[in-house]
Amino acid sequence: MSDEMGRKELEQYDNEYGGTEPAEGGGAWDPVPDGDYEAEVEQASVVQSKSGKPMAKLKLRIVGEDSGGRVLWKNAVLTGNSLPYAKKDLAAVGIEVGKLSDLPDALAGLVGAVLEVAVRNKDDNQNVYFNDVLHAAPAQADPDDFPFG
């Protein structure tokens, strides 16, 4: 069974489509304005960058009224000239590991935490800086801690 919709299925939406004007705004992507925000960590992992280097990748969702619901991405390459800055950002949210191989577990523990972040835009780049942890991530229950399985 295909998920594609054919002409017959789409015809019922023709009037709505034809009568709707495109949204206005600054293009396909409007950056989050410069400022300080509270943002919940939704995802945090170490991935491979386009150049093949290890990179911390965090997906943050702004909470609260100002830009609430908007998504921010924080990427930090974990080698070369970028490494001292990545370690500084990670330390700001309580992540200090002795070995890079320990970082994935430490990042996973950040999921669910609410951070104070600063957003700064310059040209077409949006930078996200970590300021502080406002609310720690909820503790993950260990299945071995339950007496009944």
Protein backbone atom coordinates (compact mmCIF):
# COMPACT_ATOMS: atom_id res chain seq x y z
CA MET A 1 0.00 0.00 0.00
CA SER A 2 1.39 3.38 -1.02
CA ASP A 3 1.33 6.52 1.10
CA GLU A 4 1.28 8.72 -2.00
CA MET A 5 -1.89 10.62 -2.80
CA GLY A 6 -3.10 10.70 -6.37
CA ARG A 7 -5.03 13.32 -8.32
CA LYS A 8 -8.43 12.00 -7.13
CA GLU A 9 -7.47 12.18 -3.46
CA LEU A 10 -6.03 15.67 -3.86
CA GLU A 11 -8.98 17.20 -5.71
CA GLN A 12 -10.91 17.67 -2.46
CA TYR A 13 -8.24 20.19 -1.36
CA ASP A 14 -8.09 22.18 -4.63
CA ASN A 15 -10.25 25.12 -3.44
CA GLU A 16 -8.36 25.58 -0.18
CA TYR A 17 -5.00 25.38 -1.95
CA GLY A 18 -5.99 27.77 -4.72
CA GLY A 19 -7.46 30.34 -2.31
CA THR A 20 -4.51 30.42 0.12
CA GLU A 21 -1.77 33.04 -0.17
CA PRO A 22 1.82 32.11 0.72
CA ALA A 23 2.94 33.14 4.20
CA GLU A 24 4.92 36.34 4.42
CA GLY A 25 8.19 36.66 6.22
CA GLY A 26 11.91 36.60 5.85
CA GLY A 27 12.12 33.55 3.66
CA ALA A 28 12.06 29.87 4.43
CA TRP A 29 13.76 30.35 7.78
CA ASP A 30 13.26 33.15 10.26
CA PRO A 31 15.94 33.02 12.93
CA VAL A 32 15.12 33.16 16.61
CA PRO A 33 15.85 36.78 17.65
CA ASP A 34 18.97 37.56 19.66
CA GLY A 35 18.39 37.13 23.37
CA ASP A 36 18.44 34.80 26.35
CA TYR A 37 15.96 31.91 26.41
CA GLU A 38 14.99 28.90 28.43
CA ALA A 39 15.21 25.77 26.31
CA GLU A 40 14.63 22.10 27.03
CA VAL A 41 17.12 19.58 25.68
CA GLU A 42 15.14 17.16 23.49
CA GLN A 43 18.02 15.26 21.92
CA ALA A 44 21.74 15.09 22.65
CA SER A 45 24.25 12.81 20.99
CA VAL A 46 27.62 12.56 19.31
CA VAL A 47 27.35 12.26 15.54
CA GLN A 48 29.76 12.37 12.64
CA SER A 49 30.09 15.78 11.01
CA LYS A 50 30.06 16.24 7.24
CA SER A 51 33.85 16.26 7.37
CA GLY A 52 33.89 12.96 9.28
CA LYS A 53 34.82 14.39 12.68
CA PRO A 54 32.98 13.74 15.96
CA MET A 55 30.40 16.42 16.72
CA ALA A 56 28.08 17.00 19.68
CA LYS A 57 24.59 17.66 18.35
CA LEU A 58 21.82 18.96 20.61
CA LYS A 59 18.22 19.75 19.74
CA LEU A 60 16.72 22.36 22.07
CA ARG A 61 13.11 23.56 22.22
CA ILE A 62 12.44 27.02 23.61
CA VAL A 63 9.95 27.04 26.47
CA GLY A 64 7.98 30.05 27.64
CA GLU A 65 6.24 32.84 25.82
CA ASP A 66 9.08 34.43 23.84
CA SER A 67 9.57 32.24 20.77
CA GLY A 68 8.11 29.28 22.70
CA GLY A 69 8.11 26.07 20.72
CA ARG A 70 10.87 27.17 18.34
CA VAL A 71 13.74 24.73 17.85
CA LEU A 72 17.42 25.56 18.25
CA TRP A 73 20.32 23.34 17.24
CA LYS A 74 23.71 23.36 18.94
CA ASN A 75 26.48 21.63 17.03
CA ALA A 76 30.04 21.50 18.31
CA VAL A 77 32.88 19.79 16.49
CA LEU A 78 34.96 17.90 19.03
CA THR A 79 38.43 18.18 17.45
CA GLY A 80 41.01 20.76 16.49
CA ASN A 81 40.48 24.47 17.09
CA SER A 82 36.79 23.93 17.97
CA LEU A 83 37.48 21.56 20.88
CA PRO A 84 38.32 24.15 23.59
CA TYR A 85 35.08 26.03 22.81
CA ALA A 86 33.04 22.84 22.78
CA LYS A 87 34.46 21.86 26.17
CA LYS A 88 33.68 25.34 27.53
CA ASP A 89 30.03 25.04 26.40
CA LEU A 90 29.73 21.54 27.83
CA ALA A 91 31.26 22.60 31.15
CA ALA A 92 28.70 25.43 31.38
CA VAL A 93 25.96 22.78 31.61
CA GLY A 94 27.86 20.48 33.95
CA ILE A 95 29.39 18.07 31.46
CA GLU A 96 33.06 17.41 32.08
CA VAL A 97 34.37 14.04 30.96
CA GLY A 98 37.96 12.83 30.87
CA LYS A 99 37.57 10.86 27.66
CA LEU A 100 35.64 11.68 24.51
CA SER A 101 34.29 8.13 24.49
CA ASP A 102 32.41 8.95 27.73
CA LEU A 103 30.64 11.95 26.18
CA PRO A 104 27.66 10.12 24.60
CA ASP A 105 26.48 8.84 28.00
CA ALA A 106 26.98 12.25 29.60
CA LEU A 107 25.00 13.95 26.82
CA ALA A 108 22.18 11.42 27.15
CA GLY A 109 21.86 12.47 30.79
CA LEU A 110 21.19 16.03 29.66
CA VAL A 111 17.98 15.14 27.78
CA GLY A 112 15.03 16.72 29.59
CA ALA A 113 17.10 19.42 31.29
CA VAL A 114 16.08 23.06 30.89
CA LEU A 115 18.97 25.35 30.04
CA GLU A 116 19.43 29.08 29.85
CA VAL A 117 20.85 29.75 26.41
CA ALA A 118 21.93 32.87 24.57
CA VAL A 119 21.13 33.23 20.87
CA ARG A 120 23.25 35.51 18.73
CA ASN A 121 22.72 36.02 14.99
CA LYS A 122 25.35 37.32 12.59
CA ASP A 123 24.83 37.35 8.85
CA ASP A 124 23.25 33.97 8.03
CA ASN A 125 24.62 32.21 11.10
CA GLN A 126 22.81 31.58 14.36
CA ASN A 127 24.96 30.82 17.38
CA VAL A 128 23.65 29.22 20.55
CA TYR A 129 25.65 29.54 23.76
CA PHE A 130 24.98 27.68 27.00
CA ASN A 131 24.70 29.89 30.09
CA ASP A 132 23.37 27.65 32.85
CA VAL A 133 21.26 24.64 33.82
CA LEU A 134 17.95 25.90 35.19
CA HIS A 135 16.34 22.50 35.82
CA ALA A 136 18.22 19.22 35.81
CA ALA A 137 17.10 16.37 33.60
CA PRO A 138 14.64 14.00 35.24
CA ALA A 139 16.36 10.96 36.71
CA GLN A 140 16.11 7.88 34.54
CA ALA A 141 14.92 4.83 36.45
CA ASP A 142 17.15 1.78 36.27
CA PRO A 143 15.02 -1.31 35.49
CA ASP A 144 17.24 -3.33 37.84
CA ASP A 145 16.05 -1.16 40.74
CA PHE A 146 12.50 -2.55 40.58
CA PRO A 147 11.80 -5.56 42.81
CA PHE A 148 9.20 -7.01 40.43
CA GLY A 149 9.78 -7.58 36.72
